[in-house]
Amino acid sequence: MHIGIARAKARLSELVNRVAFGNEYIILESRGKPKAALVSLEALQHLQSISFTHPTRSQRLLALAEADQVRRSLESRKLVPSSEELSRLRKERIDALN
């Protein structure tokens, strides 16, 4: 639900109850632009519990090792340019029709 801040002031008690007990969130707008949100305490605690930290050095090294493994796996596959594959499929189709 989106509501202007002035209207929200007049209905604050109702909006708080909708958020707290109705599993809703309310977007507060000023001049038609979103400015803030009313969320339940549970939702706020969940947001606060999410870790936004940077990966550790060991996590970065592990990710690089996994990326290297994927790269090596892709290099071992024989990839045919799509134009060649399309030409081959067209030829097969023509041969099958003849």
N, C-alpha and C. Protein backbone atom coordinates (compact mmCIF):
# COMPACT_ATOMS: atom_id res chain seq x y z
N MET A 1 0.85 -1.18 0.00
CA MET A 1 0.00 0.00 0.00
C MET A 1 0.88 1.24 0.00
N HIS A 2 0.54 2.22 -0.79
CA HIS A 2 1.24 3.50 -0.83
C HIS A 2 0.30 4.56 -0.27
N ILE A 3 0.85 5.44 0.54
CA ILE A 3 0.02 6.50 1.12
C ILE A 3 0.88 7.74 1.34
N GLY A 4 0.26 8.90 1.13
CA GLY A 4 0.95 10.16 1.38
C GLY A 4 1.19 10.34 2.87
N ILE A 5 2.26 11.03 3.20
CA ILE A 5 2.62 11.21 4.60
C ILE A 5 1.54 11.96 5.36
N ALA A 6 0.94 12.97 4.77
CA ALA A 6 -0.10 13.74 5.45
C ALA A 6 -1.30 12.85 5.80
N ARG A 7 -1.72 12.00 4.85
CA ARG A 7 -2.82 11.07 5.13
C ARG A 7 -2.41 10.04 6.16
N ALA A 8 -1.15 9.61 6.10
CA ALA A 8 -0.66 8.61 7.06
C ALA A 8 -0.70 9.15 8.49
N LYS A 9 -0.43 10.44 8.67
CA LYS A 9 -0.48 11.03 10.01
C LYS A 9 -1.86 10.88 10.61
N ALA A 10 -2.86 11.13 9.79
CA ALA A 10 -4.24 11.05 10.27
C ALA A 10 -4.66 9.61 10.56
N ARG A 11 -4.03 8.65 9.91
CA ARG A 11 -4.44 7.24 10.05
C ARG A 11 -3.34 6.39 10.70
N LEU A 12 -2.41 7.02 11.43
CA LEU A 12 -1.24 6.32 11.92
C LEU A 12 -1.57 5.08 12.74
N SER A 13 -2.52 5.20 13.65
CA SER A 13 -2.87 4.05 14.49
C SER A 13 -3.36 2.88 13.64
N GLU A 14 -4.22 3.14 12.69
CA GLU A 14 -4.73 2.09 11.80
C GLU A 14 -3.60 1.47 10.99
N LEU A 15 -2.70 2.31 10.45
CA LEU A 15 -1.61 1.80 9.63
C LEU A 15 -0.64 0.94 10.45
N VAL A 16 -0.35 1.36 11.65
CA VAL A 16 0.53 0.59 12.52
C VAL A 16 -0.07 -0.78 12.80
N ASN A 17 -1.36 -0.83 13.06
CA ASN A 17 -2.02 -2.12 13.31
C ASN A 17 -2.01 -3.00 12.07
N ARG A 18 -2.20 -2.42 10.90
CA ARG A 18 -2.17 -3.20 9.66
C ARG A 18 -0.79 -3.81 9.45
N VAL A 19 0.24 -3.04 9.76
CA VAL A 19 1.61 -3.53 9.60
C VAL A 19 1.93 -4.58 10.65
N ALA A 20 1.57 -4.30 11.89
CA ALA A 20 1.92 -5.19 13.00
C ALA A 20 1.16 -6.50 12.96
N PHE A 21 -0.11 -6.45 12.61
CA PHE A 21 -0.94 -7.65 12.70
C PHE A 21 -1.43 -8.19 11.35
N GLY A 22 -1.31 -7.41 10.31
CA GLY A 22 -1.85 -7.81 9.02
C GLY A 22 -0.81 -8.28 8.03
N ASN A 23 0.45 -8.39 8.47
CA ASN A 23 1.50 -8.86 7.59
C ASN A 23 1.59 -7.98 6.33
N GLU A 24 1.46 -6.68 6.51
CA GLU A 24 1.54 -5.74 5.40
C GLU A 24 2.74 -4.82 5.59
N TYR A 25 3.06 -4.10 4.57
CA TYR A 25 4.00 -3.00 4.69
C TYR A 25 3.39 -1.80 3.99
N ILE A 26 3.75 -0.61 4.44
CA ILE A 26 3.18 0.62 3.91
C ILE A 26 4.32 1.49 3.40
N ILE A 27 4.20 1.94 2.16
CA ILE A 27 5.17 2.88 1.59
C ILE A 27 4.64 4.29 1.82
N LEU A 28 5.46 5.11 2.47
CA LEU A 28 5.09 6.50 2.73
C LEU A 28 5.66 7.37 1.63
N GLU A 29 4.79 8.18 1.05
CA GLU A 29 5.19 9.02 -0.07
C GLU A 29 5.08 10.50 0.27
N SER A 30 5.95 11.28 -0.35
CA SER A 30 5.88 12.73 -0.25
C SER A 30 5.91 13.27 -1.66
N ARG A 31 4.86 13.99 -2.01
CA ARG A 31 4.72 14.53 -3.37
C ARG A 31 4.80 13.42 -4.42
N GLY A 32 4.22 12.26 -4.09
CA GLY A 32 4.15 11.15 -5.02
C GLY A 32 5.41 10.30 -5.11
N LYS A 33 6.43 10.65 -4.34
CA LYS A 33 7.68 9.89 -4.38
C LYS A 33 7.87 9.11 -3.08
N PRO A 34 8.23 7.84 -3.18
CA PRO A 34 8.46 7.03 -1.97
C PRO A 34 9.58 7.62 -1.13
N LYS A 35 9.34 7.73 0.18
CA LYS A 35 10.32 8.32 1.08
C LYS A 35 10.73 7.37 2.20
N ALA A 36 9.80 6.53 2.66
CA ALA A 36 10.08 5.63 3.78
C ALA A 36 9.05 4.52 3.76
N ALA A 37 9.19 3.61 4.73
CA ALA A 37 8.25 2.49 4.80
C ALA A 37 7.93 2.17 6.24
N LEU A 38 6.70 1.73 6.46
CA LEU A 38 6.31 1.17 7.76
C LEU A 38 6.35 -0.34 7.59
N VAL A 39 7.13 -0.99 8.45
CA VAL A 39 7.22 -2.45 8.42
C VAL A 39 7.06 -2.97 9.83
N SER A 40 6.71 -4.24 9.94
CA SER A 40 6.54 -4.82 11.27
C SER A 40 7.89 -4.92 11.97
N LEU A 41 7.86 -5.03 13.27
CA LEU A 41 9.07 -5.19 14.05
C LEU A 41 9.80 -6.47 13.64
N GLU A 42 9.02 -7.51 13.35
CA GLU A 42 9.60 -8.78 12.90
C GLU A 42 10.37 -8.60 11.60
N ALA A 43 9.79 -7.86 10.66
CA ALA A 43 10.45 -7.61 9.38
C ALA A 43 11.71 -6.79 9.57
N LEU A 44 11.66 -5.80 10.45
CA LEU A 44 12.83 -4.98 10.73
C LEU A 44 13.95 -5.82 11.33
N GLN A 45 13.61 -6.68 12.28
CA GLN A 45 14.62 -7.53 12.90
C GLN A 45 15.25 -8.47 11.87
N HIS A 46 14.42 -8.96 10.95
CA HIS A 46 14.95 -9.82 9.89
C HIS A 46 15.94 -9.04 9.03
N LEU A 47 15.58 -7.83 8.65
CA LEU A 47 16.47 -7.00 7.83
C LEU A 47 17.77 -6.71 8.57
N GLN A 48 17.68 -6.46 9.85
CA GLN A 48 18.88 -6.16 10.63
C GLN A 48 19.77 -7.39 10.80
N SER A 49 19.19 -8.57 10.72
CA SER A 49 19.97 -9.79 10.91
C SER A 49 20.75 -10.19 9.67
N ILE A 50 20.38 -9.63 8.53
CA ILE A 50 21.06 -9.97 7.28
C ILE A 50 22.45 -9.33 7.30
N SER A 51 23.45 -10.14 7.04
CA SER A 51 24.82 -9.65 7.06
C SER A 51 25.18 -9.03 5.72
N PHE A 52 25.60 -7.78 5.76
CA PHE A 52 26.01 -7.09 4.54
C PHE A 52 27.52 -6.88 4.53
N THR A 53 28.26 -7.79 5.18
CA THR A 53 29.70 -7.65 5.26
C THR A 53 30.36 -8.10 3.96
N HIS A 54 31.57 -7.65 3.77
CA HIS A 54 32.34 -8.07 2.60
C HIS A 54 32.87 -9.47 2.84
N PRO A 55 33.04 -10.24 1.77
CA PRO A 55 33.56 -11.60 1.94
C PRO A 55 34.98 -11.57 2.52
N THR A 56 35.31 -12.59 3.28
CA THR A 56 36.65 -12.69 3.85
C THR A 56 37.63 -13.08 2.74
N ARG A 57 38.91 -13.00 3.04
CA ARG A 57 39.94 -13.36 2.07
C ARG A 57 39.77 -14.82 1.66
N SER A 58 39.51 -15.69 2.62
CA SER A 58 39.36 -17.12 2.29
C SER A 58 38.12 -17.35 1.43
N GLN A 59 37.04 -16.60 1.66
CA GLN A 59 35.84 -16.73 0.84
C GLN A 59 36.12 -16.27 -0.60
N ARG A 60 36.89 -15.20 -0.74
CA ARG A 60 37.25 -14.72 -2.08
C ARG A 60 38.12 -15.73 -2.81
N LEU A 61 39.10 -16.31 -2.08
CA LEU A 61 39.97 -17.31 -2.70
C LEU A 61 39.19 -18.55 -3.12
N LEU A 62 38.24 -18.96 -2.29
CA LEU A 62 37.40 -20.11 -2.64
C LEU A 62 36.58 -19.82 -3.89
N ALA A 63 36.00 -18.62 -3.96
CA ALA A 63 35.21 -18.23 -5.13
C ALA A 63 36.08 -18.21 -6.39
N LEU A 64 37.30 -17.70 -6.27
CA LEU A 64 38.20 -17.69 -7.42
C LEU A 64 38.56 -19.10 -7.86
N ALA A 65 38.79 -20.00 -6.90
CA ALA A 65 39.11 -21.39 -7.24
C ALA A 65 37.93 -22.05 -7.95
N GLU A 66 36.71 -21.79 -7.48
CA GLU A 66 35.52 -22.35 -8.13
C GLU A 66 35.35 -21.79 -9.54
N ALA A 67 35.61 -20.49 -9.71
CA ALA A 67 35.51 -19.88 -11.04
C ALA A 67 36.55 -20.48 -11.97
N ASP A 68 37.76 -20.72 -11.46
CA ASP A 68 38.81 -21.33 -12.28
C ASP A 68 38.42 -22.74 -12.71
N GLN A 69 37.79 -23.48 -11.80
CA GLN A 69 37.34 -24.84 -12.13
C GLN A 69 36.27 -24.80 -13.23
N VAL A 70 35.36 -23.88 -13.16
CA VAL A 70 34.33 -23.73 -14.20
C VAL A 70 34.98 -23.36 -15.53
N ARG A 71 35.95 -22.43 -15.48
CA ARG A 71 36.64 -22.01 -16.71
C ARG A 71 37.33 -23.21 -17.36
N ARG A 72 38.05 -24.01 -16.57
CA ARG A 72 38.73 -25.18 -17.11
C ARG A 72 37.74 -26.19 -17.69
N SER A 73 36.61 -26.34 -17.03
CA SER A 73 35.58 -27.26 -17.52
C SER A 73 35.04 -26.81 -18.87
N LEU A 74 34.83 -25.51 -19.02
CA LEU A 74 34.34 -24.97 -20.29
C LEU A 74 35.38 -25.08 -21.38
N GLU A 75 36.66 -24.88 -21.04
CA GLU A 75 37.72 -24.98 -22.04
C GLU A 75 37.84 -26.39 -22.59
N SER A 76 37.51 -27.38 -21.77
CA SER A 76 37.65 -28.77 -22.21
C SER A 76 36.54 -29.19 -23.17
N ARG A 77 35.51 -28.41 -23.26
CA ARG A 77 34.41 -28.73 -24.18
C ARG A 77 34.69 -28.15 -25.55
N LYS A 78 34.32 -28.90 -26.58
CA LYS A 78 34.48 -28.40 -27.93
C LYS A 78 33.24 -27.59 -28.28
N LEU A 79 33.43 -26.29 -28.40
CA LEU A 79 32.32 -25.41 -28.75
C LEU A 79 32.38 -25.09 -30.24
N VAL A 80 31.27 -25.29 -30.90
CA VAL A 80 31.17 -25.04 -32.33
C VAL A 80 30.46 -23.70 -32.51
N PRO A 81 31.01 -22.83 -33.36
CA PRO A 81 30.32 -21.55 -33.61
C PRO A 81 28.89 -21.80 -34.08
N SER A 82 27.98 -20.99 -33.65
CA SER A 82 26.56 -21.19 -33.97
C SER A 82 26.30 -21.17 -35.48
N SER A 83 27.05 -20.37 -36.22
CA SER A 83 26.83 -20.33 -37.68
C SER A 83 27.16 -21.68 -38.31
N GLU A 84 28.21 -22.33 -37.81
CA GLU A 84 28.56 -23.66 -38.33
C GLU A 84 27.49 -24.68 -37.96
N GLU A 85 27.01 -24.60 -36.74
CA GLU A 85 25.98 -25.54 -36.30
C GLU A 85 24.70 -25.35 -37.10
N LEU A 86 24.31 -24.11 -37.37
CA LEU A 86 23.12 -23.85 -38.18
C LEU A 86 23.29 -24.38 -39.60
N SER A 87 24.46 -24.20 -40.17
CA SER A 87 24.72 -24.72 -41.52
C SER A 87 24.60 -26.24 -41.53
N ARG A 88 25.16 -26.90 -40.53
CA ARG A 88 25.08 -28.35 -40.45
C ARG A 88 23.63 -28.82 -40.34
N LEU A 89 22.84 -28.15 -39.49
CA LEU A 89 21.43 -28.52 -39.31
C LEU A 89 20.63 -28.31 -40.59
N ARG A 90 20.91 -27.21 -41.31
CA ARG A 90 20.22 -26.94 -42.57
C ARG A 90 20.53 -28.03 -43.59
N LYS A 91 21.83 -28.42 -43.68
CA LYS A 91 22.23 -29.46 -44.61
C LYS A 91 21.54 -30.77 -44.28
N GLU A 92 21.49 -31.12 -43.00
CA GLU A 92 20.80 -32.35 -42.58
C GLU A 92 19.33 -32.31 -42.99
N ARG A 93 18.71 -31.18 -42.80
CA ARG A 93 17.29 -31.03 -43.13
C ARG A 93 17.05 -31.17 -44.63
N ILE A 94 17.90 -30.53 -45.40
CA ILE A 94 17.78 -30.62 -46.87
C ILE A 94 17.99 -32.06 -47.33
N ASP A 95 19.03 -32.71 -46.77
CA ASP A 95 19.31 -34.11 -47.13
C ASP A 95 18.13 -35.00 -46.77
N ALA A 96 17.48 -34.75 -45.63
CA ALA A 96 16.35 -35.57 -45.20
C ALA A 96 15.14 -35.36 -46.11
N LEU A 97 14.98 -34.17 -46.66
CA LEU A 97 13.84 -33.88 -47.54
C LEU A 97 14.05 -34.49 -48.94
N ASN A 98 15.30 -34.70 -49.35
CA ASN A 98 15.59 -35.23 -50.70
C ASN A 98 15.50 -36.71 -50.74
